[in-house]
Amino acid sequence: MKKSHGPAFRKELRPLMVCGICRGATVVSGVFHQLDCTACNASGWICAQTGEALPPAELVQQLSLKLRNALAELARASQPLGGAHELYEQNNRRGAGGSNFTGD
């Protein structure tokens, strides 16, 4: 079912890219000191689709979604792969008195 009006049911992850002006550093060099980058609102990130800076509230939400996705992917990658070793170590209760039987 496609919504035609009103707020979205879920927040969508918008593609972000590093600001081309400050190159993600959040500041640009002035004559004597560093100034906040106005192209990205001193965040280092801009919308990849429009090339404009996101409002701070939207940026916080988008970075939080991006961080949660990255942490979930990292957790999936760090989980050990299951296999014969795990089955060998688990108690299968097939031995005498419900002990482990490995078949060796």
N, C-alpha and C. Protein backbone atom coordinates (compact mmCIF):
# COMPACT_ATOMS: atom_id res chain seq x y z
N MET A 1 0.84 -1.16 0.00
CA MET A 1 0.00 0.00 0.00
C MET A 1 0.90 1.24 0.00
N LYS A 2 0.70 2.11 -0.95
CA LYS A 2 1.50 3.32 -1.10
C LYS A 2 0.80 4.48 -0.41
N LYS A 3 1.53 5.21 0.43
CA LYS A 3 0.96 6.38 1.10
C LYS A 3 0.94 7.54 0.11
N SER A 4 -0.14 8.31 0.18
CA SER A 4 -0.22 9.47 -0.71
C SER A 4 -0.05 10.79 0.04
N HIS A 5 -0.23 10.80 1.36
CA HIS A 5 -0.06 12.02 2.13
C HIS A 5 0.23 11.67 3.59
N GLY A 6 0.68 12.66 4.33
CA GLY A 6 1.00 12.45 5.75
C GLY A 6 2.43 12.01 5.93
N PRO A 7 2.85 11.91 7.19
CA PRO A 7 4.23 11.49 7.46
C PRO A 7 4.43 10.01 7.13
N ALA A 8 5.65 9.66 6.85
CA ALA A 8 5.99 8.28 6.51
C ALA A 8 5.84 7.39 7.75
N PHE A 9 5.55 6.12 7.52
CA PHE A 9 5.43 5.17 8.62
C PHE A 9 6.78 4.92 9.28
N ARG A 10 7.82 4.88 8.49
CA ARG A 10 9.18 4.64 9.00
C ARG A 10 10.12 5.67 8.40
N LYS A 11 11.17 6.00 9.14
CA LYS A 11 12.19 6.91 8.62
C LYS A 11 13.03 6.15 7.60
N GLU A 12 13.24 6.74 6.46
CA GLU A 12 14.06 6.14 5.42
C GLU A 12 15.50 6.62 5.58
N LEU A 13 16.44 5.74 5.32
CA LEU A 13 17.85 6.09 5.36
C LEU A 13 18.19 6.82 4.07
N ARG A 14 18.54 8.08 4.19
CA ARG A 14 18.90 8.87 3.02
C ARG A 14 20.39 8.72 2.77
N PRO A 15 20.79 8.61 1.50
CA PRO A 15 22.23 8.48 1.23
C PRO A 15 22.96 9.79 1.54
N LEU A 16 24.03 9.67 2.28
CA LEU A 16 24.84 10.83 2.64
C LEU A 16 26.20 10.70 1.97
N MET A 17 26.83 11.84 1.72
CA MET A 17 28.19 11.82 1.19
C MET A 17 28.99 12.90 1.91
N VAL A 18 30.28 12.77 1.85
CA VAL A 18 31.18 13.71 2.52
C VAL A 18 31.10 15.05 1.80
N CYS A 19 31.09 16.12 2.56
CA CYS A 19 31.03 17.47 1.99
C CYS A 19 32.27 17.72 1.13
N GLY A 20 32.04 18.25 -0.06
CA GLY A 20 33.15 18.52 -0.97
C GLY A 20 33.92 19.77 -0.64
N ILE A 21 33.31 20.68 0.11
CA ILE A 21 33.98 21.93 0.45
C ILE A 21 35.01 21.71 1.56
N CYS A 22 34.59 21.10 2.65
CA CYS A 22 35.50 20.89 3.79
C CYS A 22 36.08 19.48 3.80
N ARG A 23 35.64 18.61 2.90
CA ARG A 23 36.10 17.22 2.80
C ARG A 23 35.89 16.45 4.10
N GLY A 24 34.77 16.74 4.79
CA GLY A 24 34.42 16.03 6.00
C GLY A 24 35.08 16.54 7.26
N ALA A 25 35.88 17.58 7.16
CA ALA A 25 36.60 18.10 8.33
C ALA A 25 35.75 19.05 9.16
N THR A 26 34.60 19.47 8.69
CA THR A 26 33.64 20.38 9.32
C THR A 26 34.12 21.83 9.41
N VAL A 27 35.35 22.12 9.05
CA VAL A 27 35.86 23.49 9.09
C VAL A 27 36.62 23.79 7.79
N VAL A 28 36.64 25.06 7.45
CA VAL A 28 37.44 25.53 6.31
C VAL A 28 38.44 26.55 6.83
N SER A 29 39.55 26.66 6.17
CA SER A 29 40.60 27.59 6.62
C SER A 29 40.29 29.00 6.16
N GLY A 30 40.26 29.90 7.12
CA GLY A 30 40.13 31.32 6.82
C GLY A 30 41.52 31.92 6.69
N VAL A 31 41.60 33.22 6.68
CA VAL A 31 42.89 33.89 6.57
C VAL A 31 43.73 33.65 7.82
N PHE A 32 43.12 33.83 8.99
CA PHE A 32 43.87 33.69 10.23
C PHE A 32 43.43 32.52 11.09
N HIS A 33 42.21 32.01 10.89
CA HIS A 33 41.70 30.94 11.75
C HIS A 33 40.73 30.07 10.95
N GLN A 34 40.29 29.02 11.56
CA GLN A 34 39.37 28.11 10.89
C GLN A 34 37.93 28.56 11.14
N LEU A 35 37.10 28.41 10.10
CA LEU A 35 35.69 28.79 10.16
C LEU A 35 34.83 27.55 9.96
N ASP A 36 33.63 27.55 10.56
CA ASP A 36 32.70 26.46 10.35
C ASP A 36 32.29 26.43 8.88
N CYS A 37 32.20 25.24 8.32
CA CYS A 37 31.80 25.08 6.92
C CYS A 37 30.30 25.38 6.81
N THR A 38 29.94 26.32 5.96
CA THR A 38 28.53 26.68 5.78
C THR A 38 27.83 25.77 4.78
N ALA A 39 28.58 25.07 3.95
CA ALA A 39 27.97 24.20 2.94
C ALA A 39 27.32 22.98 3.58
N CYS A 40 27.85 22.52 4.71
CA CYS A 40 27.32 21.32 5.37
C CYS A 40 26.85 21.59 6.79
N ASN A 41 26.72 22.85 7.18
CA ASN A 41 26.35 23.24 8.55
C ASN A 41 27.33 22.68 9.57
N ALA A 42 28.60 22.65 9.23
CA ALA A 42 29.68 22.18 10.10
C ALA A 42 29.47 20.75 10.56
N SER A 43 28.92 19.89 9.68
CA SER A 43 28.72 18.49 10.04
C SER A 43 29.65 17.56 9.25
N GLY A 44 30.10 17.99 8.09
CA GLY A 44 30.94 17.15 7.25
C GLY A 44 30.15 16.26 6.31
N TRP A 45 28.81 16.27 6.41
CA TRP A 45 27.96 15.40 5.59
C TRP A 45 26.90 16.23 4.86
N ILE A 46 26.61 15.84 3.62
CA ILE A 46 25.53 16.46 2.85
C ILE A 46 24.71 15.34 2.21
N CYS A 47 23.51 15.68 1.78
CA CYS A 47 22.62 14.71 1.12
C CYS A 47 23.22 14.37 -0.24
N ALA A 48 23.35 13.09 -0.56
CA ALA A 48 23.94 12.67 -1.82
C ALA A 48 23.01 12.94 -2.99
N GLN A 49 21.71 12.97 -2.76
CA GLN A 49 20.76 13.18 -3.85
C GLN A 49 20.66 14.65 -4.24
N THR A 50 20.58 15.53 -3.26
CA THR A 50 20.38 16.95 -3.55
C THR A 50 21.66 17.77 -3.45
N GLY A 51 22.66 17.30 -2.71
CA GLY A 51 23.89 18.05 -2.51
C GLY A 51 23.75 19.19 -1.52
N GLU A 52 22.66 19.20 -0.77
CA GLU A 52 22.42 20.26 0.21
C GLU A 52 22.67 19.75 1.62
N ALA A 53 22.92 20.69 2.51
CA ALA A 53 23.11 20.35 3.92
C ALA A 53 21.78 19.95 4.53
N LEU A 54 21.81 18.96 5.41
CA LEU A 54 20.60 18.55 6.10
C LEU A 54 20.42 19.40 7.36
N PRO A 55 19.18 19.65 7.76
CA PRO A 55 18.97 20.35 9.04
C PRO A 55 19.53 19.50 10.17
N PRO A 56 19.98 20.12 11.25
CA PRO A 56 20.62 19.36 12.33
C PRO A 56 19.77 18.22 12.89
N ALA A 57 18.47 18.42 13.06
CA ALA A 57 17.62 17.35 13.60
C ALA A 57 17.57 16.16 12.64
N GLU A 58 17.44 16.44 11.36
CA GLU A 58 17.41 15.37 10.35
C GLU A 58 18.77 14.67 10.27
N LEU A 59 19.85 15.44 10.36
CA LEU A 59 21.19 14.89 10.29
C LEU A 59 21.46 13.93 11.45
N VAL A 60 21.03 14.31 12.65
CA VAL A 60 21.22 13.44 13.81
C VAL A 60 20.49 12.12 13.60
N GLN A 61 19.27 12.17 13.08
CA GLN A 61 18.51 10.94 12.83
C GLN A 61 19.18 10.08 11.78
N GLN A 62 19.64 10.70 10.69
CA GLN A 62 20.27 9.95 9.61
C GLN A 62 21.58 9.31 10.07
N LEU A 63 22.38 10.04 10.83
CA LEU A 63 23.64 9.48 11.33
C LEU A 63 23.38 8.36 12.33
N SER A 64 22.33 8.49 13.13
CA SER A 64 21.98 7.44 14.07
C SER A 64 21.56 6.17 13.32
N LEU A 65 20.73 6.32 12.28
CA LEU A 65 20.34 5.16 11.47
C LEU A 65 21.55 4.51 10.82
N LYS A 66 22.44 5.34 10.30
CA LYS A 66 23.66 4.83 9.65
C LYS A 66 24.54 4.08 10.65
N LEU A 67 24.67 4.62 11.87
CA LEU A 67 25.47 3.98 12.90
C LEU A 67 24.86 2.65 13.33
N ARG A 68 23.55 2.61 13.51
CA ARG A 68 22.87 1.37 13.91
C ARG A 68 23.05 0.29 12.84
N ASN A 69 22.93 0.67 11.57
CA ASN A 69 23.15 -0.29 10.49
C ASN A 69 24.58 -0.80 10.47
N ALA A 70 25.54 0.09 10.67
CA ALA A 70 26.94 -0.30 10.67
C ALA A 70 27.26 -1.23 11.85
N LEU A 71 26.70 -0.92 13.04
CA LEU A 71 26.93 -1.78 14.20
C LEU A 71 26.29 -3.15 14.02
N ALA A 72 25.11 -3.20 13.42
CA ALA A 72 24.45 -4.48 13.17
C ALA A 72 25.25 -5.31 12.17
N GLU A 73 25.78 -4.66 11.14
CA GLU A 73 26.60 -5.37 10.15
C GLU A 73 27.90 -5.87 10.78
N LEU A 74 28.49 -5.07 11.65
CA LEU A 74 29.70 -5.47 12.35
C LEU A 74 29.44 -6.66 13.28
N ALA A 75 28.30 -6.65 13.96
CA ALA A 75 27.95 -7.76 14.85
C ALA A 75 27.72 -9.03 14.05
N ARG A 76 27.09 -8.92 12.89
CA ARG A 76 26.88 -10.10 12.04
C ARG A 76 28.20 -10.65 11.52
N ALA A 77 29.13 -9.75 11.20
CA ALA A 77 30.41 -10.19 10.66
C ALA A 77 31.30 -10.82 11.74
N SER A 78 31.13 -10.40 13.00
CA SER A 78 32.00 -10.91 14.05
C SER A 78 31.48 -12.20 14.67
N GLN A 79 30.26 -12.62 14.32
CA GLN A 79 29.75 -13.87 14.87
C GLN A 79 30.51 -15.03 14.24
N PRO A 80 30.88 -16.01 15.07
CA PRO A 80 31.61 -17.15 14.50
C PRO A 80 30.68 -17.98 13.62
N LEU A 81 31.28 -18.52 12.60
CA LEU A 81 30.51 -19.36 11.70
C LEU A 81 30.23 -20.71 12.36
N GLY A 82 29.00 -21.14 12.28
CA GLY A 82 28.64 -22.45 12.85
C GLY A 82 29.13 -23.56 11.93
N GLY A 83 29.31 -24.73 12.48
CA GLY A 83 29.77 -25.84 11.67
C GLY A 83 29.93 -27.08 12.51
N ALA A 84 30.73 -28.00 12.02
CA ALA A 84 30.94 -29.27 12.68
C ALA A 84 31.55 -29.10 14.06
N HIS A 85 32.39 -28.11 14.23
CA HIS A 85 33.04 -27.89 15.53
C HIS A 85 32.00 -27.60 16.60
N GLU A 86 31.02 -26.73 16.30
CA GLU A 86 29.98 -26.42 17.29
C GLU A 86 29.16 -27.65 17.63
N LEU A 87 28.83 -28.44 16.63
CA LEU A 87 28.05 -29.65 16.88
C LEU A 87 28.83 -30.64 17.73
N TYR A 88 30.14 -30.71 17.52
CA TYR A 88 30.99 -31.63 18.28
C TYR A 88 31.05 -31.22 19.75
N GLU A 89 31.10 -29.92 20.02
CA GLU A 89 31.23 -29.44 21.39
C GLU A 89 29.92 -29.48 22.18
N GLN A 90 28.77 -29.43 21.51
CA GLN A 90 27.49 -29.42 22.22
C GLN A 90 27.18 -30.80 22.77
N ASN A 91 26.42 -30.82 23.87
CA ASN A 91 25.98 -32.08 24.45
C ASN A 91 24.74 -32.55 23.68
N ASN A 92 24.85 -33.69 23.03
CA ASN A 92 23.73 -34.20 22.26
C ASN A 92 22.91 -35.24 23.04
N ARG A 93 23.32 -35.54 24.26
CA ARG A 93 22.61 -36.47 25.18
C ARG A 93 22.36 -37.83 24.54
N ARG A 94 23.24 -38.31 23.70
CA ARG A 94 23.08 -39.61 23.06
C ARG A 94 23.98 -40.68 23.67
N GLY A 95 24.78 -40.29 24.62
CA GLY A 95 25.69 -41.26 25.25
C GLY A 95 25.04 -41.91 26.46
N ALA A 96 25.84 -42.72 27.16
CA ALA A 96 25.34 -43.45 28.34
C ALA A 96 24.95 -42.47 29.43
N GLY A 97 23.72 -42.59 29.95
CA GLY A 97 23.24 -41.72 31.03
C GLY A 97 23.01 -40.30 30.57
N GLY A 98 22.78 -40.08 29.30
CA GLY A 98 22.54 -38.73 28.78
C GLY A 98 23.79 -37.92 28.58
N SER A 99 24.95 -38.56 28.56
CA SER A 99 26.18 -37.83 28.35
C SER A 99 26.38 -37.58 26.85
N ASN A 100 27.43 -36.87 26.53
CA ASN A 100 27.72 -36.53 25.15
C ASN A 100 28.32 -37.73 24.42
N PHE A 101 27.84 -38.02 23.22
CA PHE A 101 28.39 -39.07 22.38
C PHE A 101 28.88 -38.43 21.10
N THR A 102 30.20 -38.53 20.86
CA THR A 102 30.79 -37.90 19.66
C THR A 102 31.04 -38.90 18.55
N GLY A 103 31.00 -40.17 18.82
CA GLY A 103 31.21 -41.17 17.76
C GLY A 103 32.68 -41.48 17.52
N ASP A 104 33.58 -41.00 18.36
CA ASP A 104 35.01 -41.26 18.16
C ASP A 104 35.35 -42.68 18.57
